[in-house]
Amino acid sequence: MTVTVTATRAPERPAHRDGNVLRWLGAYTASMVGDSVYYMALAWAATRTGTASQAGFVLAAGSIPRAVLMLGGGVLADRFGPRRLVIGSDAARCLVVLGLAGALTFTSPALWMLIAVALVFGAVDALFLPAVGALPPRITTAGQLARIQGLRGLATRTANVVGAPLGGVAVAVGGPVLAFAAAGVLFAVSLPLLVVVRIAPLPDQAGGESPGTAWRELADGVRHIRRHPLLGPLVLVLAVSELGFAGPLNLGLILLAKERGWGASGMGWIVAAFGIGAGAA
């Protein structure tokens, strides 16, 4: 008599019930809230320190290195591992922002100081964002990726809703010093959560194939985006949209709040309303 034994596969644990995923999600959310508070404080300090064009230059100083270096950050995450890069870049962001908060307790914000911090923070952000975005396939199964990306999108919108009013209230109560300190604390909160996240290698990396040079990987990534029938136009549309919408919105809201006397907290609630609308949609 032949006995056939059928192996039963254990059911996948849903992402929203997986402690490892929830630790990553908590770290990501805390970091994104810290981002919102930081940008609120930076924009407000820049507007109060210089003219509207100078404030725009400060915001551009933070956005340009992040946009230019983002693809390179993805290459570094592939070569050195996203875990090492995400923890190191998050720690660097924490130190930079807390250092600025400490400096502003002894002196008023200067334009050169804000530009320098924006450049450094933008460059480090270009390392953090692709590294933290590369973690989902390494912390959950393929069947849960859609769910975890949905949780990530919800966390991003939640950060916009919570972070903008929090940054506005912090600026209204304690000025940019308190707001930058709050952002640094949020980055510090995300660090231990990232440290305890368990990361597995990707299935196609199990064989340990050696990658090519960093420049070759970077060139391959650019060529792939340029030739892809969907990614190329999508990147172009997103770039034009950000250029025409995000910059004028971020700077215009601050100038409008300053002109109408709404204060930093009022501007924070307006930004939160944008986040609520985007999350609902």
Protein backbone atom coordinates (compact mmCIF):
# COMPACT_ATOMS: atom_id res chain seq x y z
CA MET A 1 0.00 0.00 0.00
CA THR A 2 1.34 3.39 -0.98
CA VAL A 3 0.82 6.29 1.35
CA THR A 4 0.91 9.75 -0.17
CA VAL A 5 1.90 12.54 2.15
CA THR A 6 0.94 16.03 1.08
CA ALA A 7 2.94 18.82 2.68
CA THR A 8 0.80 21.61 3.97
CA ARG A 9 2.19 25.09 3.81
CA ALA A 10 1.73 27.29 6.83
CA PRO A 11 -0.54 30.25 6.09
CA GLU A 12 1.11 33.62 5.67
CA ARG A 13 0.93 35.94 8.62
CA PRO A 14 -0.92 39.12 7.60
CA ALA A 15 1.37 42.14 7.52
CA HIS A 16 -0.75 44.09 9.99
CA ARG A 17 -0.34 41.24 12.54
CA ASP A 18 3.37 40.67 11.97
CA GLY A 19 5.44 42.16 14.79
CA ASN A 20 8.46 42.54 12.54
CA VAL A 21 6.45 44.51 9.99
CA LEU A 22 4.87 46.61 12.72
CA ARG A 23 8.29 47.54 14.10
CA TRP A 24 9.35 48.69 10.63
CA LEU A 25 6.07 50.55 10.20
CA GLY A 26 6.46 52.26 13.59
CA ALA A 27 10.00 53.35 12.72
CA TYR A 28 8.90 54.58 9.31
CA THR A 29 5.96 56.51 10.75
CA ALA A 30 8.04 58.16 13.48
CA SER A 31 10.64 59.13 10.90
CA MET A 32 8.05 60.56 8.49
CA VAL A 33 6.45 62.59 11.30
CA GLY A 34 9.91 63.87 12.15
CA ASP A 35 10.39 64.81 8.49
CA SER A 36 7.16 66.85 8.51
CA VAL A 37 8.14 68.66 11.71
CA TYR A 38 11.63 69.34 10.36
CA TYR A 39 10.43 70.81 7.07
CA MET A 40 7.85 72.93 8.86
CA ALA A 41 10.53 74.34 11.18
CA LEU A 42 13.02 74.85 8.34
CA ALA A 43 10.53 76.66 6.12
CA TRP A 44 9.29 78.87 8.95
CA ALA A 45 12.82 79.75 10.10
CA ALA A 46 13.87 80.52 6.51
CA THR A 47 10.86 82.79 5.96
CA ARG A 48 11.51 84.67 9.19
CA THR A 49 15.24 85.01 8.48
CA GLY A 50 15.29 86.24 4.88
CA THR A 51 13.17 87.28 1.94
CA ALA A 52 10.75 85.03 0.08
CA SER A 53 13.34 84.25 -2.60
CA GLN A 54 15.94 83.42 0.05
CA ALA A 55 13.46 81.13 1.82
CA GLY A 56 12.81 79.41 -1.50
CA PHE A 57 16.55 78.96 -1.94
CA VAL A 58 16.79 77.28 1.48
CA LEU A 59 14.00 74.84 0.60
CA ALA A 60 15.59 74.14 -2.79
CA ALA A 61 18.93 73.49 -1.08
CA GLY A 62 17.30 70.60 0.74
CA SER A 63 15.33 69.23 -2.20
CA ILE A 64 17.98 69.29 -4.93
CA PRO A 65 20.53 66.91 -3.32
CA ARG A 66 17.74 64.54 -2.37
CA ALA A 67 16.46 64.43 -5.95
CA VAL A 68 19.90 64.19 -7.54
CA LEU A 69 21.35 61.59 -5.16
CA MET A 70 18.27 59.40 -4.62
CA LEU A 71 19.16 56.87 -7.33
CA GLY A 72 22.70 56.68 -6.01
CA GLY A 73 21.31 56.01 -2.55
CA GLY A 74 19.44 53.04 -3.97
CA VAL A 75 22.65 51.69 -5.48
CA LEU A 76 24.45 52.02 -2.13
CA ALA A 77 21.57 50.26 -0.38
CA ASP A 78 21.96 47.35 -2.81
CA ARG A 79 25.73 47.15 -2.33
CA PHE A 80 26.06 47.63 1.43
CA GLY A 81 22.66 46.38 2.53
CA PRO A 82 19.61 48.51 3.34
CA ARG A 83 19.77 47.74 7.07
CA ARG A 84 23.19 49.29 7.56
CA LEU A 85 22.34 52.28 5.40
CA VAL A 86 18.93 52.99 6.92
CA ILE A 87 20.23 52.91 10.49
CA GLY A 88 23.29 55.02 9.70
CA SER A 89 21.39 57.65 7.71
CA ASP A 90 18.61 57.88 10.31
CA ALA A 91 21.19 58.40 13.05
CA ALA A 92 22.88 61.08 10.94
CA ARG A 93 19.57 62.92 10.42
CA CYS A 94 18.95 62.79 14.16
CA LEU A 95 22.37 64.28 14.98
CA VAL A 96 22.13 67.00 12.31
CA VAL A 97 18.71 68.23 13.45
CA LEU A 98 19.51 68.05 17.17
CA GLY A 99 22.78 69.85 16.47
CA LEU A 100 20.88 72.65 14.73
CA ALA A 101 18.44 72.88 17.66
CA GLY A 102 21.40 73.14 20.03
CA ALA A 103 23.06 75.84 17.94
CA LEU A 104 19.86 77.90 17.76
CA THR A 105 19.61 77.98 21.56
CA PHE A 106 22.68 80.23 21.55
CA THR A 107 22.19 82.23 18.36
CA SER A 108 19.46 83.33 15.99
CA PRO A 109 19.10 81.39 12.72
CA ALA A 110 21.32 82.61 9.92
CA LEU A 111 20.67 81.98 6.24
CA TRP A 112 24.00 80.22 5.69
CA MET A 113 23.31 77.92 8.64
CA LEU A 114 19.89 76.90 7.33
CA ILE A 115 21.28 76.30 3.83
CA ALA A 116 24.12 74.14 5.16
CA VAL A 117 21.75 72.03 7.27
CA ALA A 118 19.29 71.70 4.37
CA LEU A 119 22.07 70.48 2.05
CA VAL A 120 23.36 67.91 4.54
CA PHE A 121 19.88 66.72 5.52
CA GLY A 122 18.82 66.41 1.87
CA ALA A 123 21.91 64.35 1.02
CA VAL A 124 21.38 62.03 3.99
CA ASP A 125 17.68 61.76 3.14
CA ALA A 126 18.71 60.50 -0.31
CA LEU A 127 20.33 57.56 1.48
CA PHE A 128 17.55 56.94 3.99
CA LEU A 129 14.49 56.95 1.72
CA PRO A 130 15.57 54.25 -0.79
CA ALA A 131 17.03 52.13 2.02
CA VAL A 132 13.87 52.18 4.13
CA GLY A 133 11.79 51.61 1.00
CA ALA A 134 13.86 48.51 0.14
CA LEU A 135 13.03 46.77 3.41
CA PRO A 136 9.45 45.50 2.79
CA PRO A 137 10.45 42.57 0.50
CA ARG A 138 13.03 41.59 3.14
CA ILE A 139 10.67 41.60 6.13
CA THR A 140 7.56 39.92 4.74
CA THR A 141 6.46 37.41 2.13
CA ALA A 142 5.67 38.28 -1.47
CA GLY A 143 1.96 37.79 -0.87
CA GLN A 144 1.92 40.56 1.74
CA LEU A 145 3.78 43.21 -0.27
CA ALA A 146 0.62 44.91 -1.53
CA ARG A 147 -0.72 45.12 2.01
CA ILE A 148 2.53 46.45 3.45
CA GLN A 149 2.74 49.11 0.75
CA GLY A 150 -0.81 50.14 1.60
CA LEU A 151 0.21 50.43 5.25
CA ARG A 152 3.22 52.49 4.19
CA GLY A 153 1.03 54.87 2.19
CA LEU A 154 -1.32 55.24 5.15
CA ALA A 155 1.63 55.93 7.45
CA THR A 156 2.89 58.63 5.07
CA ARG A 157 -0.49 60.38 5.06
CA THR A 158 -0.78 60.02 8.83
CA ALA A 159 2.63 61.64 9.20
CA ASN A 160 1.47 64.60 7.11
CA VAL A 161 -1.70 64.97 9.17
CA VAL A 162 0.08 64.66 12.53
CA GLY A 163 3.49 66.14 11.75
CA ALA A 164 2.40 69.47 10.24
CA PRO A 165 0.22 70.58 13.20
CA LEU A 166 2.82 69.24 15.64
CA GLY A 167 5.54 71.26 13.94
CA GLY A 168 3.32 74.34 13.80
CA VAL A 169 2.44 74.12 17.49
CA ALA A 170 6.10 73.53 18.39
CA VAL A 171 7.15 76.63 16.43
CA ALA A 172 4.35 78.69 17.99
CA VAL A 173 5.25 77.57 21.53
CA GLY A 174 9.03 77.39 21.49
CA GLY A 175 10.14 78.70 18.10
CA PRO A 176 12.26 76.76 15.60
CA VAL A 177 14.46 75.44 18.44
CA LEU A 178 11.62 73.38 19.94
CA ALA A 179 10.43 72.23 16.52
CA PHE A 180 13.89 71.05 15.42
CA ALA A 181 14.37 69.35 18.80
CA ALA A 182 11.02 67.56 18.40
CA ALA A 183 12.02 66.35 14.94
CA GLY A 184 15.34 65.06 16.29
CA VAL A 185 13.58 63.19 19.09
CA LEU A 186 11.25 61.52 16.58
CA PHE A 187 14.24 60.39 14.52
CA ALA A 188 15.78 59.05 17.73
CA VAL A 189 12.58 57.10 18.49
CA SER A 190 12.72 55.39 15.09
CA LEU A 191 16.30 54.19 15.57
CA PRO A 192 15.79 51.39 18.15
CA LEU A 193 12.80 50.13 16.16
CA LEU A 194 14.94 49.87 13.04
CA VAL A 195 17.70 48.10 14.95
CA VAL A 196 15.38 45.27 16.10
CA VAL A 197 13.77 44.70 12.68
CA ARG A 198 14.72 41.24 11.35
CA ILE A 199 15.81 41.32 7.71
CA ALA A 200 16.12 38.34 5.38
CA PRO A 201 17.93 38.34 2.01
CA LEU A 202 15.94 38.59 -1.17
CA PRO A 203 15.27 35.27 -2.93
CA ASP A 204 17.40 36.22 -5.95
CA GLN A 205 20.30 37.11 -3.65
CA ALA A 206 20.45 33.73 -1.94
CA GLY A 207 23.17 32.55 -4.33
CA GLY A 208 25.45 35.38 -3.29
CA GLU A 209 26.14 36.72 -6.77
CA SER A 210 28.65 39.56 -6.73
CA PRO A 211 27.23 42.82 -8.06
CA GLY A 212 28.93 44.98 -10.65
CA THR A 213 30.53 48.32 -9.93
CA ALA A 214 28.46 51.09 -8.35
CA TRP A 215 28.72 53.25 -11.48
CA ARG A 216 27.53 50.38 -13.65
CA GLU A 217 24.55 49.73 -11.39
CA LEU A 218 23.70 53.44 -11.42
CA ALA A 219 23.92 53.61 -15.21
CA ASP A 220 21.79 50.46 -15.50
CA GLY A 221 19.15 52.02 -13.28
CA VAL A 222 19.02 55.20 -15.35
CA ARG A 223 18.80 53.22 -18.59
CA HIS A 224 16.06 51.03 -17.19
CA ILE A 225 13.95 54.03 -16.19
CA ARG A 226 14.59 55.80 -19.50
CA ARG A 227 13.64 52.79 -21.65
CA HIS A 228 10.75 51.47 -19.58
CA PRO A 229 7.40 52.33 -21.25
CA LEU A 230 5.78 53.16 -17.91
CA LEU A 231 8.55 54.21 -15.50
CA GLY A 232 10.13 56.81 -17.79
CA PRO A 233 6.97 58.87 -18.41
CA LEU A 234 5.89 58.37 -14.78
CA VAL A 235 9.15 59.79 -13.41
CA LEU A 236 8.88 62.75 -15.80
CA VAL A 237 5.28 63.46 -14.79
CA LEU A 238 6.13 63.25 -11.10
CA ALA A 239 9.10 65.57 -11.53
CA VAL A 240 7.03 68.20 -13.37
CA SER A 241 4.22 67.87 -10.82
CA GLU A 242 6.59 68.34 -7.89
CA LEU A 243 8.27 71.29 -9.60
CA GLY A 244 4.98 73.04 -10.29
CA PHE A 245 3.09 72.14 -7.14
CA ALA A 246 5.18 71.15 -4.11
CA GLY A 247 7.56 74.12 -4.14
CA PRO A 248 4.98 76.89 -4.59
CA LEU A 249 2.66 75.16 -2.09
CA ASN A 250 5.28 74.80 0.65
CA LEU A 251 6.60 78.33 0.30
CA GLY A 252 3.30 79.98 -0.58
CA LEU A 253 1.51 78.61 2.46
CA ILE A 254 4.14 80.04 4.78
CA LEU A 255 4.04 83.46 3.13
CA LEU A 256 0.24 83.44 3.21
CA ALA A 257 0.16 82.44 6.88
CA LYS A 258 2.64 85.21 7.65
CA GLU A 259 0.64 87.80 5.70
CA ARG A 260 -2.73 86.84 7.20
CA GLY A 261 -1.41 86.41 10.74
CA TRP A 262 -2.38 82.74 11.01
CA GLY A 263 0.92 81.81 12.62
CA ALA A 264 2.85 78.57 12.40
CA SER A 265 0.10 76.50 14.03
CA GLY A 266 -2.45 77.76 11.49
CA MET A 267 -0.19 76.79 8.63
CA GLY A 268 0.30 73.37 10.20
CA TRP A 269 -3.44 72.71 10.22
CA ILE A 270 -3.70 73.73 6.56
CA VAL A 271 -0.98 71.23 5.61
CA ALA A 272 -2.77 68.62 7.70
CA ALA A 273 -5.95 69.26 5.71
CA PHE A 274 -4.04 68.42 2.51
CA GLY A 275 -2.88 65.19 4.13
CA ILE A 276 -6.39 64.27 5.22
CA GLY A 277 -7.75 64.84 1.72
CA ALA A 278 -4.96 62.79 0.16
CA GLY A 279 -5.43 59.97 2.67
CA ALA A 280 -9.19 59.90 2.11
CA ALA A 281 -8.69 59.79 -1.66
